[in-house]
PDB file of N, CA and C in Angstrom:
ATOM      1  N   MET A   1      14.106  42.280  36.381  1.00  0.00           N
ATOM      2  CA  MET A   1      14.322  40.866  36.561  1.00  0.00           C
ATOM      3  C   MET A   1      13.025  40.115  36.266  1.00  0.00           C
ATOM      4  N   THR A   2      13.109  39.055  35.503  1.00  0.00           N
ATOM      5  CA  THR A   2      11.949  38.264  35.131  1.00  0.00           C
ATOM      6  C   THR A   2      11.667  37.211  36.200  1.00  0.00           C
ATOM      7  N   THR A   3      10.409  37.091  36.575  1.00  0.00           N
ATOM      8  CA  THR A   3      10.008  36.084  37.545  1.00  0.00           C
ATOM      9  C   THR A   3       9.641  34.807  36.814  1.00  0.00           C
ATOM     10  N   ILE A   4      10.215  33.696  37.240  1.00  0.00           N
ATOM     11  CA  ILE A   4       9.916  32.392  36.656  1.00  0.00           C
ATOM     12  C   ILE A   4       8.787  31.769  37.463  1.00  0.00           C
ATOM     13  N   GLY A   5       7.796  31.234  36.757  1.00  0.00           N
ATOM     14  CA  GLY A   5       6.687  30.575  37.425  1.00  0.00           C
ATOM     15  C   GLY A   5       6.816  29.068  37.331  1.00  0.00           C
ATOM     16  N   PHE A   6       5.954  28.367  38.038  1.00  0.00           N
ATOM     17  CA  PHE A   6       5.981  26.912  38.009  1.00  0.00           C
ATOM     18  C   PHE A   6       5.709  26.379  36.605  1.00  0.00           C
ATOM     19  N   ALA A   7       4.817  27.024  35.865  1.00  0.00           N
ATOM     20  CA  ALA A   7       4.526  26.588  34.496  1.00  0.00           C
ATOM     21  C   ALA A   7       5.768  26.698  33.615  1.00  0.00           C
ATOM     22  N   ASP A   8       6.590  27.714  33.849  1.00  0.00           N
ATOM     23  CA  ASP A   8       7.830  27.882  33.085  1.00  0.00           C
ATOM     24  C   ASP A   8       8.804  26.736  33.328  1.00  0.00           C
ATOM     25  N   LEU A   9       8.666  26.071  34.452  1.00  0.00           N
ATOM     26  CA  LEU A   9       9.544  24.952  34.795  1.00  0.00           C
ATOM     27  C   LEU A   9       9.023  23.626  34.258  1.00  0.00           C
ATOM     28  N   GLY A  10       7.827  23.641  33.654  1.00  0.00           N
ATOM     29  CA  GLY A  10       7.255  22.427  33.085  1.00  0.00           C
ATOM     30  C   GLY A  10       6.188  21.779  33.936  1.00  0.00           C
ATOM     31  N   VAL A  11       5.755  22.450  34.981  1.00  0.00           N
ATOM     32  CA  VAL A  11       4.711  21.907  35.852  1.00  0.00           C
ATOM     33  C   VAL A  11       3.365  22.030  35.142  1.00  0.00           C
ATOM     34  N   ASP A  12       2.586  20.946  35.162  1.00  0.00           N
ATOM     35  CA  ASP A  12       1.278  20.922  34.504  1.00  0.00           C
ATOM     36  C   ASP A  12       0.342  21.988  35.076  1.00  0.00           C
ATOM     37  N   ALA A  13      -0.562  22.458  34.227  1.00  0.00           N
ATOM     38  CA  ALA A  13      -1.482  23.535  34.595  1.00  0.00           C
ATOM     39  C   ALA A  13      -2.341  23.185  35.804  1.00  0.00           C
ATOM     40  N   ASP A  14      -2.776  21.928  35.919  1.00  0.00           N
ATOM     41  CA  ASP A  14      -3.620  21.563  37.059  1.00  0.00           C
ATOM     42  C   ASP A  14      -2.845  21.640  38.377  1.00  0.00           C
ATOM     43  N   LEU A  15      -1.570  21.304  38.351  1.00  0.00           N
ATOM     44  CA  LEU A  15      -0.754  21.426  39.558  1.00  0.00           C
ATOM     45  C   LEU A  15      -0.430  22.886  39.861  1.00  0.00           C
ATOM     46  N   VAL A  16      -0.199  23.677  38.822  1.00  0.00           N
ATOM     47  CA  VAL A  16       0.029  25.114  39.014  1.00  0.00           C
ATOM     48  C   VAL A  16      -1.204  25.738  39.663  1.00  0.00           C
ATOM     49  N   SER A  17      -2.384  25.333  39.210  1.00  0.00           N
ATOM     50  CA  SER A  17      -3.632  25.840  39.780  1.00  0.00           C
ATOM     51  C   SER A  17      -3.782  25.418  41.240  1.00  0.00           C
ATOM     52  N   ALA A  18      -3.454  24.163  41.536  1.00  0.00           N
ATOM     53  CA  ALA A  18      -3.543  23.677  42.916  1.00  0.00           C
ATOM     54  C   ALA A  18      -2.570  24.428  43.823  1.00  0.00           C
ATOM     55  N   LEU A  19      -1.378  24.704  43.320  1.00  0.00           N
ATOM     56  CA  LEU A  19      -0.409  25.481  44.097  1.00  0.00           C
ATOM     57  C   LEU A  19      -0.937  26.888  44.349  1.00  0.00           C
ATOM     58  N   SER A  20      -1.505  27.490  43.312  1.00  0.00           N
ATOM     59  CA  SER A  20      -2.051  28.839  43.425  1.00  0.00           C
ATOM     60  C   SER A  20      -3.176  28.894  44.456  1.00  0.00           C
ATOM     61  N   ASP A  21      -4.017  27.856  44.464  1.00  0.00           N
ATOM     62  CA  ASP A  21      -5.103  27.781  45.444  1.00  0.00           C
ATOM     63  C   ASP A  21      -4.568  27.772  46.877  1.00  0.00           C
ATOM     64  N   GLN A  22      -3.345  27.286  47.051  1.00  0.00           N
ATOM     65  CA  GLN A  22      -2.712  27.241  48.371  1.00  0.00           C
ATOM     66  C   GLN A  22      -1.859  28.482  48.647  1.00  0.00           C
ATOM     67  N   GLY A  23      -1.891  29.438  47.709  1.00  0.00           N
ATOM     68  CA  GLY A  23      -1.139  30.674  47.890  1.00  0.00           C
ATOM     69  C   GLY A  23       0.311  30.594  47.452  1.00  0.00           C
ATOM     70  N   ILE A  24       0.648  29.544  46.718  1.00  0.00           N
ATOM     71  CA  ILE A  24       2.020  29.363  46.239  1.00  0.00           C
ATOM     72  C   ILE A  24       2.052  29.781  44.776  1.00  0.00           C
ATOM     73  N   GLU A  25       2.605  30.943  44.503  1.00  0.00           N
ATOM     74  CA  GLU A  25       2.574  31.522  43.155  1.00  0.00           C
ATOM     75  C   GLU A  25       3.891  31.397  42.400  1.00  0.00           C
ATOM     76  N   THR A  26       5.003  31.566  43.096  1.00  0.00           N
ATOM     77  CA  THR A  26       6.315  31.521  42.439  1.00  0.00           C
ATOM     78  C   THR A  26       7.240  30.580  43.198  1.00  0.00           C
ATOM     79  N   PRO A  27       8.101  29.879  42.480  1.00  0.00           N
ATOM     80  CA  PRO A  27       9.011  28.937  43.133  1.00  0.00           C
ATOM     81  C   PRO A  27      10.142  29.646  43.878  1.00  0.00           C
ATOM     82  N   PHE A  28      10.581  29.021  44.963  1.00  0.00           N
ATOM     83  CA  PHE A  28      11.777  29.472  45.661  1.00  0.00           C
ATOM     84  C   PHE A  28      12.997  29.081  44.829  1.00  0.00           C
ATOM     85  N   ALA A  29      14.149  29.595  45.190  1.00  0.00           N
ATOM     86  CA  ALA A  29      15.373  29.363  44.412  1.00  0.00           C
ATOM     87  C   ALA A  29      15.670  27.880  44.213  1.00  0.00           C
ATOM     88  N   ILE A  30      15.607  27.073  45.273  1.00  0.00           N
ATOM     89  CA  ILE A  30      15.918  25.646  45.147  1.00  0.00           C
ATOM     90  C   ILE A  30      14.934  24.964  44.202  1.00  0.00           C
ATOM     91  N   GLN A  31      13.691  25.423  44.195  1.00  0.00           N
ATOM     92  CA  GLN A  31      12.683  24.858  43.304  1.00  0.00           C
ATOM     93  C   GLN A  31      12.962  25.248  41.856  1.00  0.00           C
ATOM     94  N   SER A  32      13.328  26.489  41.631  1.00  0.00           N
ATOM     95  CA  SER A  32      13.646  26.951  40.274  1.00  0.00           C
ATOM     96  C   SER A  32      14.827  26.193  39.691  1.00  0.00           C
ATOM     97  N   LEU A  33      15.752  25.805  40.546  1.00  0.00           N
ATOM     98  CA  LEU A  33      16.966  25.129  40.086  1.00  0.00           C
ATOM     99  C   LEU A  33      16.798  23.628  39.893  1.00  0.00           C
ATOM    100  N   THR A  34      15.765  23.028  40.479  1.00  0.00           N
ATOM    101  CA  THR A  34      15.684  21.563  40.470  1.00  0.00           C
ATOM    102  C   THR A  34      14.434  20.961  39.833  1.00  0.00           C
ATOM    103  N   ILE A  35      13.325  21.667  39.810  1.00  0.00           N
ATOM    104  CA  ILE A  35      12.066  21.065  39.351  1.00  0.00           C
ATOM    105  C   ILE A  35      12.142  20.591  37.903  1.00  0.00           C
ATOM    106  N   ALA A  36      12.678  21.393  37.006  1.00  0.00           N
ATOM    107  CA  ALA A  36      12.748  20.992  35.591  1.00  0.00           C
ATOM    108  C   ALA A  36      13.574  19.719  35.424  1.00  0.00           C
ATOM    109  N   ASP A  37      14.682  19.602  36.154  1.00  0.00           N
ATOM    110  CA  ASP A  37      15.495  18.384  36.078  1.00  0.00           C
ATOM    111  C   ASP A  37      14.734  17.188  36.632  1.00  0.00           C
ATOM    112  N   GLY A  38      14.027  17.377  37.730  1.00  0.00           N
ATOM    113  CA  GLY A  38      13.227  16.300  38.295  1.00  0.00           C
ATOM    114  C   GLY A  38      12.145  15.832  37.341  1.00  0.00           C
ATOM    115  N   LEU A  39      11.501  16.770  36.672  1.00  0.00           N
ATOM    116  CA  LEU A  39      10.461  16.419  35.698  1.00  0.00           C
ATOM    117  C   LEU A  39      11.043  15.683  34.495  1.00  0.00           C
ATOM    118  N   ALA A  40      12.301  15.956  34.183  1.00  0.00           N
ATOM    119  CA  ALA A  40      12.966  15.291  33.058  1.00  0.00           C
ATOM    120  C   ALA A  40      13.485  13.911  33.450  1.00  0.00           C
ATOM    121  N   GLY A  41      13.294  13.531  34.716  1.00  0.00           N
ATOM    122  CA  GLY A  41      13.721  12.218  35.168  1.00  0.00           C
ATOM    123  C   GLY A  41      15.184  12.150  35.567  1.00  0.00           C
ATOM    124  N   ARG A  42      15.825  13.296  35.656  1.00  0.00           N
ATOM    125  CA  ARG A  42      17.233  13.316  36.050  1.00  0.00           C
ATOM    126  C   ARG A  42      17.361  13.285  37.572  1.00  0.00           C
ATOM    127  N   ASP A  43      18.472  12.738  38.034  1.00  0.00           N
ATOM    128  CA  ASP A  43      18.773  12.753  39.460  1.00  0.00           C
ATOM    129  C   ASP A  43      19.028  14.186  39.892  1.00  0.00           C
ATOM    130  N   VAL A  44      18.567  14.512  41.074  1.00  0.00           N
ATOM    131  CA  VAL A  44      18.724  15.869  41.593  1.00  0.00           C
ATOM    132  C   VAL A  44      19.337  15.794  42.987  1.00  0.00           C
ATOM    133  N   CYS A  45      20.325  16.616  43.221  1.00  0.00           N
ATOM    134  CA  CYS A  45      20.927  16.755  44.542  1.00  0.00           C
ATOM    135  C   CYS A  45      20.946  18.240  44.858  1.00  0.00           C
ATOM    136  N   GLY A  46      20.195  18.637  45.854  1.00  0.00           N
ATOM    137  CA  GLY A  46      20.121  20.051  46.197  1.00  0.00           C
ATOM    138  C   GLY A  46      20.364  20.265  47.679  1.00  0.00           C
ATOM    139  N   LYS A  47      20.933  21.388  48.005  1.00  0.00           N
ATOM    140  CA  LYS A  47      21.206  21.741  49.393  1.00  0.00           C
ATOM    141  C   LYS A  47      20.686  23.151  49.635  1.00  0.00           C
ATOM    142  N   ALA A  48      19.861  23.289  50.660  1.00  0.00           N
ATOM    143  CA  ALA A  48      19.309  24.600  50.995  1.00  0.00           C
ATOM    144  C   ALA A  48      18.888  24.592  52.458  1.00  0.00           C
ATOM    145  N   LYS A  49      18.678  25.762  52.998  1.00  0.00           N
ATOM    146  CA  LYS A  49      18.300  25.904  54.402  1.00  0.00           C
ATOM    147  C   LYS A  49      16.902  25.349  54.663  1.00  0.00           C
ATOM    148  N   THR A  50      16.641  25.054  55.920  1.00  0.00           N
ATOM    149  CA  THR A  50      15.323  24.625  56.359  1.00  0.00           C
ATOM    150  C   THR A  50      14.297  25.699  56.003  1.00  0.00           C
ATOM    151  N   GLY A  51      13.173  25.254  55.448  1.00  0.00           N
ATOM    152  CA  GLY A  51      12.108  26.189  55.089  1.00  0.00           C
ATOM    153  C   GLY A  51      12.272  26.824  53.729  1.00  0.00           C
ATOM    154  N   SER A  52      13.222  26.321  52.945  1.00  0.00           N
ATOM    155  CA  SER A  52      13.505  26.936  51.641  1.00  0.00           C
ATOM    156  C   SER A  52      12.749  26.288  50.485  1.00  0.00           C
ATOM    157  N   GLY A  53      11.973  25.235  50.747  1.00  0.00           N
ATOM    158  CA  GLY A  53      11.168  24.632  49.696  1.00  0.00           C
ATOM    159  C   GLY A  53      11.714  23.354  49.101  1.00  0.00           C
ATOM    160  N   LYS A  54      12.624  22.690  49.795  1.00  0.00           N
ATOM    161  CA  LYS A  54      13.219  21.463  49.259  1.00  0.00           C
ATOM    162  C   LYS A  54      12.186  20.354  49.067  1.00  0.00           C
ATOM    163  N   THR A  55      11.274  20.207  50.008  1.00  0.00           N
ATOM    164  CA  THR A  55      10.287  19.131  49.911  1.00  0.00           C
ATOM    165  C   THR A  55       9.422  19.292  48.669  1.00  0.00           C
ATOM    166  N   LEU A  56       8.969  20.492  48.388  1.00  0.00           N
ATOM    167  CA  LEU A  56       8.176  20.734  47.181  1.00  0.00           C
ATOM    168  C   LEU A  56       9.034  20.560  45.927  1.00  0.00           C
ATOM    169  N   ALA A  57      10.301  20.947  46.010  1.00  0.00           N
ATOM    170  CA  ALA A  57      11.209  20.789  44.871  1.00  0.00           C
ATOM    171  C   ALA A  57      11.357  19.319  44.503  1.00  0.00           C
ATOM    172  N   PHE A  58      11.359  18.446  45.495  1.00  0.00           N
ATOM    173  CA  PHE A  58      11.456  17.010  45.266  1.00  0.00           C
ATOM    174  C   PHE A  58      10.090  16.403  44.957  1.00  0.00           C
ATOM    175  N   GLY A  59       9.077  16.818  45.703  1.00  0.00           N
ATOM    176  CA  GLY A  59       7.771  16.182  45.622  1.00  0.00           C
ATOM    177  C   GLY A  59       6.936  16.546  44.415  1.00  0.00           C
ATOM    178  N   LEU A  60       7.031  17.775  43.957  1.00  0.00           N
ATOM    179  CA  LEU A  60       6.202  18.214  42.833  1.00  0.00           C
ATOM    180  C   LEU A  60       6.472  17.411  41.557  1.00  0.00           C
ATOM    181  N   PRO A  61       7.730  17.214  41.159  1.00  0.00           N
ATOM    182  CA  PRO A  61       7.974  16.368  39.985  1.00  0.00           C
ATOM    183  C   PRO A  61       7.487  14.936  40.198  1.00  0.00           C
ATOM    184  N   LEU A  62       7.635  14.435  41.411  1.00  0.00           N
ATOM    185  CA  LEU A  62       7.182  13.086  41.721  1.00  0.00           C
ATOM    186  C   LEU A  62       5.673  12.959  41.543  1.00  0.00           C
ATOM    187  N   VAL A  63       4.927  13.912  42.079  1.00  0.00           N
ATOM    188  CA  VAL A  63       3.464  13.899  41.950  1.00  0.00           C
ATOM    189  C   VAL A  63       3.057  13.981  40.480  1.00  0.00           C
ATOM    190  N   GLN A  64       3.697  14.861  39.723  1.00  0.00           N
ATOM    191  CA  GLN A  64       3.344  15.014  38.313  1.00  0.00           C
ATOM    192  C   GLN A  64       3.643  13.740  37.526  1.00  0.00           C
ATOM    193  N   LEU A  65       4.800  13.146  37.747  1.00  0.00           N
ATOM    194  CA  LEU A  65       5.154  11.931  37.015  1.00  0.00           C
ATOM    195  C   LEU A  65       4.243  10.772  37.395  1.00  0.00           C
ATOM    196  N   LEU A  66       3.894  10.655  38.672  1.00  0.00           N
ATOM    197  CA  LEU A  66       2.997   9.584  39.102  1.00  0.00           C
ATOM    198  C   LEU A  66       1.584   9.780  38.573  1.00  0.00           C
ATOM    199  N   SER A  67       1.148  11.024  38.429  1.00  0.00           N
ATOM    200  CA  SER A  67      -0.204  11.277  37.928  1.00  0.00           C
ATOM    201  C   SER A  67      -0.348  10.870  36.464  1.00  0.00           C
ATOM    202  N   LYS A  68       0.766  10.768  35.750  1.00  0.00           N
ATOM    203  CA  LYS A  68       0.732  10.377  34.341  1.00  0.00           C
ATOM    204  C   LYS A  68       0.965   8.883  34.136  1.00  0.00           C
ATOM    205  N   ALA A  69       1.348   8.178  35.188  1.00  0.00           N
ATOM    206  CA  ALA A  69       1.631   6.750  35.084  1.00  0.00           C
ATOM    207  C   ALA A  69       0.335   5.971  34.882  1.00  0.00           C
ATOM    208  N   GLU A  70       0.448   4.853  34.200  1.00  0.00           N
ATOM    209  CA  GLU A  70      -0.711   3.991  33.991  1.00  0.00           C
ATOM    210  C   GLU A  70      -1.005   3.227  35.280  1.00  0.00           C
ATOM    211  N   PRO A  71      -2.274   3.163  35.687  1.00  0.00           N
ATOM    212  CA  PRO A  71      -2.620   2.402  36.884  1.00  0.00           C
ATOM    213  C   PRO A  71      -2.200   0.940  36.736  1.00  0.00           C
ATOM    214  N   GLY A  72      -1.602   0.398  37.780  1.00  0.00           N
ATOM    215  CA  GLY A  72      -1.199  -1.002  37.764  1.00  0.00           C
ATOM    216  C   GLY A  72       0.070  -1.274  36.989  1.00  0.00           C
ATOM    217  N   CYS A  73       0.725  -0.238  36.512  1.00  0.00           N
ATOM    218  CA  CYS A  73       1.956  -0.417  35.740  1.00  0.00           C
ATOM    219  C   CYS A  73       3.089   0.301  36.477  1.00  0.00           C
ATOM    220  N   PRO A  74       3.870  -0.426  37.284  1.00  0.00           N
ATOM    221  CA  PRO A  74       4.869   0.236  38.119  1.00  0.00           C
ATOM    222  C   PRO A  74       5.998   0.919  37.348  1.00  0.00           C
ATOM    223  N   THR A  75       6.154   0.630  36.087  1.00  0.00           N
ATOM    224  CA  THR A  75       7.223   1.266  35.309  1.00  0.00           C
ATOM    225  C   THR A  75       6.738   2.490  34.566  1.00  0.00           C
ATOM    226  N   GLY A  76       5.491   2.878  34.747  1.00  0.00           N
ATOM    227  CA  GLY A  76       4.979   4.094  34.124  1.00  0.00           C
ATOM    228  C   GLY A  76       4.289   3.805  32.855  1.00  0.00           C
TER     229      GLY A  76
END
């Protein structure tokens, strides 16, 4: 079985490095299923148990998209 990494989902290298520094190497199932869609700007609706990584699944695409936005330009 092939392990999918955050970079495979489209997460920028600097964020992958920051995750690795925190000991987060591979995405949980909910993250693998939703991060790429979130990065593509699509709406995501996911359901998973507490502690399964939903917050990172939602937050990581948000952080990446905001880091690329122009300062002072609310539309990106």
